[in-house]
Amino acid sequence: MGVRRILRIATMALIAAWIVAAPAWRQLHGARTRWMPTWDMYAEPGLEIVRGRFLAVRGDHLEELDRYALLGHREPRAAPRWLRTIRGEAGALRVARALCERLGGDVAIRLDGQIATWDGWQPLFADVDDLCRPLGPRPITRRRRHE
């Protein structure tokens, strides 16, 4: 057996041992270290998803908007990903700004929606009357999981 082959086998054995030991370390000792980090399968795929509806405000009248039809898509499946799955405050603002451009300046756009966080669904832009106008500094809605 050559030296390269022995090194390759030893490296693979060390990697396999680390893969097995890292989760076991956390289970046995309840601690996180730099070399034995926690590993959570599917930990964050649903975070920062935005659900809700966009509303057009004209005076005292509220009208629910079909974002797909207004932006020229007959079916949601044919729309771009940023329009189908809104992620985060920036994604919600991107959709709102596209709707503002399409509808013109005489309409205010509101979002009646929530954002997914570690602590559950939280209101998003509940304090904003018009998403077409520039927004000032805002508190960060994304929170990390408490451990």
C-alpha atoms as a PDB file:
ATOM      1  CA  MET A   1       0.000   0.000   0.000  1.00  0.00           C
ATOM      2  CA  GLY A   2       1.297   3.414  -0.923  1.00  0.00           C
ATOM      3  CA  VAL A   3       1.665   6.386   1.371  1.00  0.00           C
ATOM      4  CA  ARG A   4      -0.963   8.360  -0.559  1.00  0.00           C
ATOM      5  CA  ARG A   5      -3.527   5.627  -0.143  1.00  0.00           C
ATOM      6  CA  ILE A   6      -2.870   5.379   3.597  1.00  0.00           C
ATOM      7  CA  LEU A   7      -3.191   9.155   3.974  1.00  0.00           C
ATOM      8  CA  ARG A   8      -6.422   9.147   1.985  1.00  0.00           C
ATOM      9  CA  ILE A   9      -7.925   6.360   4.123  1.00  0.00           C
ATOM     10  CA  ALA A  10      -6.807   8.068   7.341  1.00  0.00           C
ATOM     11  CA  THR A  11      -8.295  11.386   6.215  1.00  0.00           C
ATOM     12  CA  MET A  12     -11.628   9.791   5.328  1.00  0.00           C
ATOM     13  CA  ALA A  13     -11.668   7.938   8.673  1.00  0.00           C
ATOM     14  CA  LEU A  14     -11.050  11.203  10.552  1.00  0.00           C
ATOM     15  CA  ILE A  15     -13.799  12.985   8.633  1.00  0.00           C
ATOM     16  CA  ALA A  16     -16.232  10.136   9.283  1.00  0.00           C
ATOM     17  CA  ALA A  17     -15.350  10.147  12.979  1.00  0.00           C
ATOM     18  CA  TRP A  18     -15.935  13.896  13.151  1.00  0.00           C
ATOM     19  CA  ILE A  19     -19.313  13.559  11.412  1.00  0.00           C
ATOM     20  CA  VAL A  20     -20.386  10.995  14.017  1.00  0.00           C
ATOM     21  CA  ALA A  21     -18.774  12.706  17.022  1.00  0.00           C
ATOM     22  CA  ALA A  22     -20.023  16.253  16.488  1.00  0.00           C
ATOM     23  CA  PRO A  23     -23.749  15.569  17.106  1.00  0.00           C
ATOM     24  CA  ALA A  24     -22.934  13.031  19.840  1.00  0.00           C
ATOM     25  CA  TRP A  25     -20.778  15.607  21.650  1.00  0.00           C
ATOM     26  CA  ARG A  26     -23.713  18.000  21.839  1.00  0.00           C
ATOM     27  CA  GLN A  27     -26.070  15.278  23.018  1.00  0.00           C
ATOM     28  CA  LEU A  28     -23.730  14.003  25.719  1.00  0.00           C
ATOM     29  CA  HIS A  29     -22.256  17.274  26.956  1.00  0.00           C
ATOM     30  CA  GLY A  30     -24.902  19.798  25.992  1.00  0.00           C
ATOM     31  CA  ALA A  31     -22.240  22.248  24.879  1.00  0.00           C
ATOM     32  CA  ARG A  32     -21.266  23.878  21.633  1.00  0.00           C
ATOM     33  CA  THR A  33     -17.640  24.325  20.730  1.00  0.00           C
ATOM     34  CA  ARG A  34     -15.858  25.696  17.724  1.00  0.00           C
ATOM     35  CA  TRP A  35     -14.831  22.217  16.564  1.00  0.00           C
ATOM     36  CA  MET A  36     -18.087  20.481  17.468  1.00  0.00           C
ATOM     37  CA  PRO A  37     -20.794  22.850  16.193  1.00  0.00           C
ATOM     38  CA  THR A  38     -24.486  22.100  16.276  1.00  0.00           C
ATOM     39  CA  TRP A  39     -26.087  20.936  13.104  1.00  0.00           C
ATOM     40  CA  ASP A  40     -29.786  21.355  12.445  1.00  0.00           C
ATOM     41  CA  MET A  41     -31.270  19.840   9.350  1.00  0.00           C
ATOM     42  CA  TYR A  42     -33.777  22.190   7.724  1.00  0.00           C
ATOM     43  CA  ALA A  43     -33.296  24.819  10.436  1.00  0.00           C
ATOM     44  CA  GLU A  44     -33.981  28.018   8.469  1.00  0.00           C
ATOM     45  CA  PRO A  45     -35.792  27.408   5.158  1.00  0.00           C
ATOM     46  CA  GLY A  46     -39.051  28.984   6.299  1.00  0.00           C
ATOM     47  CA  LEU A  47     -37.582  32.016   8.017  1.00  0.00           C
ATOM     48  CA  GLU A  48     -38.316  35.426   6.552  1.00  0.00           C
ATOM     49  CA  ILE A  49     -41.123  34.166   4.325  1.00  0.00           C
ATOM     50  CA  VAL A  50     -43.739  36.893   3.969  1.00  0.00           C
ATOM     51  CA  ARG A  51     -47.428  36.100   3.730  1.00  0.00           C
ATOM     52  CA  GLY A  52     -50.213  38.574   3.337  1.00  0.00           C
ATOM     53  CA  ARG A  53     -51.973  40.785   0.854  1.00  0.00           C
ATOM     54  CA  PHE A  54     -51.154  44.083  -0.772  1.00  0.00           C
ATOM     55  CA  LEU A  55     -53.803  46.779  -0.544  1.00  0.00           C
ATOM     56  CA  ALA A  56     -54.305  49.916  -2.642  1.00  0.00           C
ATOM     57  CA  VAL A  57     -55.531  52.905  -0.660  1.00  0.00           C
ATOM     58  CA  ARG A  58     -57.478  55.602  -2.482  1.00  0.00           C
ATOM     59  CA  GLY A  59     -58.917  58.028   0.049  1.00  0.00           C
ATOM     60  CA  ASP A  60     -60.906  55.863   2.493  1.00  0.00           C
ATOM     61  CA  HIS A  61     -61.295  52.992   0.036  1.00  0.00           C
ATOM     62  CA  LEU A  62     -59.135  49.848   0.395  1.00  0.00           C
ATOM     63  CA  GLU A  63     -58.804  47.490  -2.548  1.00  0.00           C
ATOM     64  CA  GLU A  64     -56.960  44.175  -2.476  1.00  0.00           C
ATOM     65  CA  LEU A  65     -54.442  43.892  -5.305  1.00  0.00           C
ATOM     66  CA  ASP A  66     -53.668  40.855  -7.425  1.00  0.00           C
ATOM     67  CA  ARG A  67     -49.919  41.293  -7.724  1.00  0.00           C
ATOM     68  CA  TYR A  68     -49.596  38.694 -10.476  1.00  0.00           C
ATOM     69  CA  ALA A  69     -52.205  40.247 -12.763  1.00  0.00           C
ATOM     70  CA  LEU A  70     -50.976  43.799 -12.153  1.00  0.00           C
ATOM     71  CA  LEU A  71     -47.399  42.871 -13.020  1.00  0.00           C
ATOM     72  CA  GLY A  72     -48.404  41.004 -16.186  1.00  0.00           C
ATOM     73  CA  HIS A  73     -48.480  37.330 -15.177  1.00  0.00           C
ATOM     74  CA  ARG A  74     -51.559  35.252 -15.855  1.00  0.00           C
ATOM     75  CA  GLU A  75     -50.549  32.434 -13.515  1.00  0.00           C
ATOM     76  CA  PRO A  76     -48.465  32.536 -10.341  1.00  0.00           C
ATOM     77  CA  ARG A  77     -46.317  29.681 -11.692  1.00  0.00           C
ATOM     78  CA  ALA A  78     -45.259  31.863 -14.623  1.00  0.00           C
ATOM     79  CA  ALA A  79     -44.183  34.740 -12.345  1.00  0.00           C
ATOM     80  CA  PRO A  80     -40.564  35.217 -11.286  1.00  0.00           C
ATOM     81  CA  ARG A  81     -39.513  33.720  -7.962  1.00  0.00           C
ATOM     82  CA  TRP A  82     -39.221  37.100  -6.204  1.00  0.00           C
ATOM     83  CA  LEU A  83     -42.912  37.686  -6.893  1.00  0.00           C
ATOM     84  CA  ARG A  84     -44.124  34.184  -5.988  1.00  0.00           C
ATOM     85  CA  THR A  85     -42.185  33.709  -2.748  1.00  0.00           C
ATOM     86  CA  ILE A  86     -41.599  36.980  -0.961  1.00  0.00           C
ATOM     87  CA  ARG A  87     -38.616  36.721   1.380  1.00  0.00           C
ATOM     88  CA  GLY A  88     -37.868  39.328   4.012  1.00  0.00           C
ATOM     89  CA  GLU A  89     -38.587  43.014   4.276  1.00  0.00           C
ATOM     90  CA  ALA A  90     -36.516  43.737   1.182  1.00  0.00           C
ATOM     91  CA  GLY A  91     -38.577  41.283  -0.873  1.00  0.00           C
ATOM     92  CA  ALA A  92     -41.851  42.816   0.326  1.00  0.00           C
ATOM     93  CA  LEU A  93     -40.561  46.290  -0.519  1.00  0.00           C
ATOM     94  CA  ARG A  94     -39.488  45.110  -3.979  1.00  0.00           C
ATOM     95  CA  VAL A  95     -42.991  43.844  -4.748  1.00  0.00           C
ATOM     96  CA  ALA A  96     -44.586  46.978  -3.275  1.00  0.00           C
ATOM     97  CA  ARG A  97     -42.343  49.268  -5.347  1.00  0.00           C
ATOM     98  CA  ALA A  98     -43.159  47.316  -8.518  1.00  0.00           C
ATOM     99  CA  LEU A  99     -46.871  47.733  -7.746  1.00  0.00           C
ATOM    100  CA  CYS A 100     -46.332  51.454  -7.073  1.00  0.00           C
ATOM    101  CA  GLU A 101     -44.670  51.925 -10.447  1.00  0.00           C
ATOM    102  CA  ARG A 102     -47.491  50.080 -12.186  1.00  0.00           C
ATOM    103  CA  LEU A 103     -50.334  51.960 -10.461  1.00  0.00           C
ATOM    104  CA  GLY A 104     -48.840  55.446 -10.529  1.00  0.00           C
ATOM    105  CA  GLY A 105     -48.362  58.085  -7.874  1.00  0.00           C
ATOM    106  CA  ASP A 106     -51.958  58.684  -6.759  1.00  0.00           C
ATOM    107  CA  VAL A 107     -52.247  55.354  -4.921  1.00  0.00           C
ATOM    108  CA  ALA A 108     -50.791  54.327  -1.571  1.00  0.00           C
ATOM    109  CA  ILE A 109     -49.794  50.681  -1.142  1.00  0.00           C
ATOM    110  CA  ARG A 110     -50.077  48.886   2.194  1.00  0.00           C
ATOM    111  CA  LEU A 111     -49.136  45.375   3.199  1.00  0.00           C
ATOM    112  CA  ASP A 112     -51.438  43.461   5.495  1.00  0.00           C
ATOM    113  CA  GLY A 113     -48.993  40.687   6.255  1.00  0.00           C
ATOM    114  CA  GLN A 114     -46.661  38.823   8.541  1.00  0.00           C
ATOM    115  CA  ILE A 115     -43.080  37.591   8.385  1.00  0.00           C
ATOM    116  CA  ALA A 116     -41.873  34.227   9.684  1.00  0.00           C
ATOM    117  CA  THR A 117     -39.371  34.506  12.554  1.00  0.00           C
ATOM    118  CA  TRP A 118     -37.977  32.080  15.117  1.00  0.00           C
ATOM    119  CA  ASP A 119     -40.697  33.305  17.467  1.00  0.00           C
ATOM    120  CA  GLY A 120     -43.525  32.687  14.991  1.00  0.00           C
ATOM    121  CA  TRP A 121     -45.353  35.008  12.618  1.00  0.00           C
ATOM    122  CA  GLN A 122     -44.728  38.696  13.362  1.00  0.00           C
ATOM    123  CA  PRO A 123     -46.550  41.686  11.808  1.00  0.00           C
ATOM    124  CA  LEU A 124     -44.690  43.295   8.924  1.00  0.00           C
ATOM    125  CA  PHE A 125     -45.057  46.978   7.987  1.00  0.00           C
ATOM    126  CA  ALA A 126     -48.140  47.293  10.215  1.00  0.00           C
ATOM    127  CA  ASP A 127     -47.047  50.836  11.071  1.00  0.00           C
ATOM    128  CA  VAL A 128     -46.467  51.950   7.452  1.00  0.00           C
ATOM    129  CA  ASP A 129     -49.296  53.723   5.642  1.00  0.00           C
ATOM    130  CA  ASP A 130     -47.638  53.955   2.217  1.00  0.00           C
ATOM    131  CA  LEU A 131     -44.921  51.619   0.951  1.00  0.00           C
ATOM    132  CA  CYS A 132     -44.481  53.808  -2.141  1.00  0.00           C
ATOM    133  CA  ARG A 133     -42.765  56.503  -0.086  1.00  0.00           C
ATOM    134  CA  PRO A 134     -39.198  56.050   1.167  1.00  0.00           C
ATOM    135  CA  LEU A 135     -39.009  54.471   4.605  1.00  0.00           C
ATOM    136  CA  GLY A 136     -36.833  55.675   7.444  1.00  0.00           C
ATOM    137  CA  PRO A 137     -34.707  53.399   9.626  1.00  0.00           C
ATOM    138  CA  ARG A 138     -36.619  50.413  10.924  1.00  0.00           C
ATOM    139  CA  PRO A 139     -36.026  47.861  13.660  1.00  0.00           C
ATOM    140  CA  ILE A 140     -34.766  44.512  12.436  1.00  0.00           C
ATOM    141  CA  THR A 141     -37.538  41.899  12.472  1.00  0.00           C
ATOM    142  CA  ARG A 142     -35.329  38.859  12.083  1.00  0.00           C
ATOM    143  CA  ARG A 143     -34.438  37.331  15.405  1.00  0.00           C
ATOM    144  CA  ARG A 144     -32.140  34.426  16.099  1.00  0.00           C
ATOM    145  CA  ARG A 145     -33.272  31.312  17.867  1.00  0.00           C
ATOM    146  CA  HIS A 146     -32.722  31.360  21.608  1.00  0.00           C
ATOM    147  CA  GLU A 147     -30.520  28.551  22.865  1.00  0.00           C
END
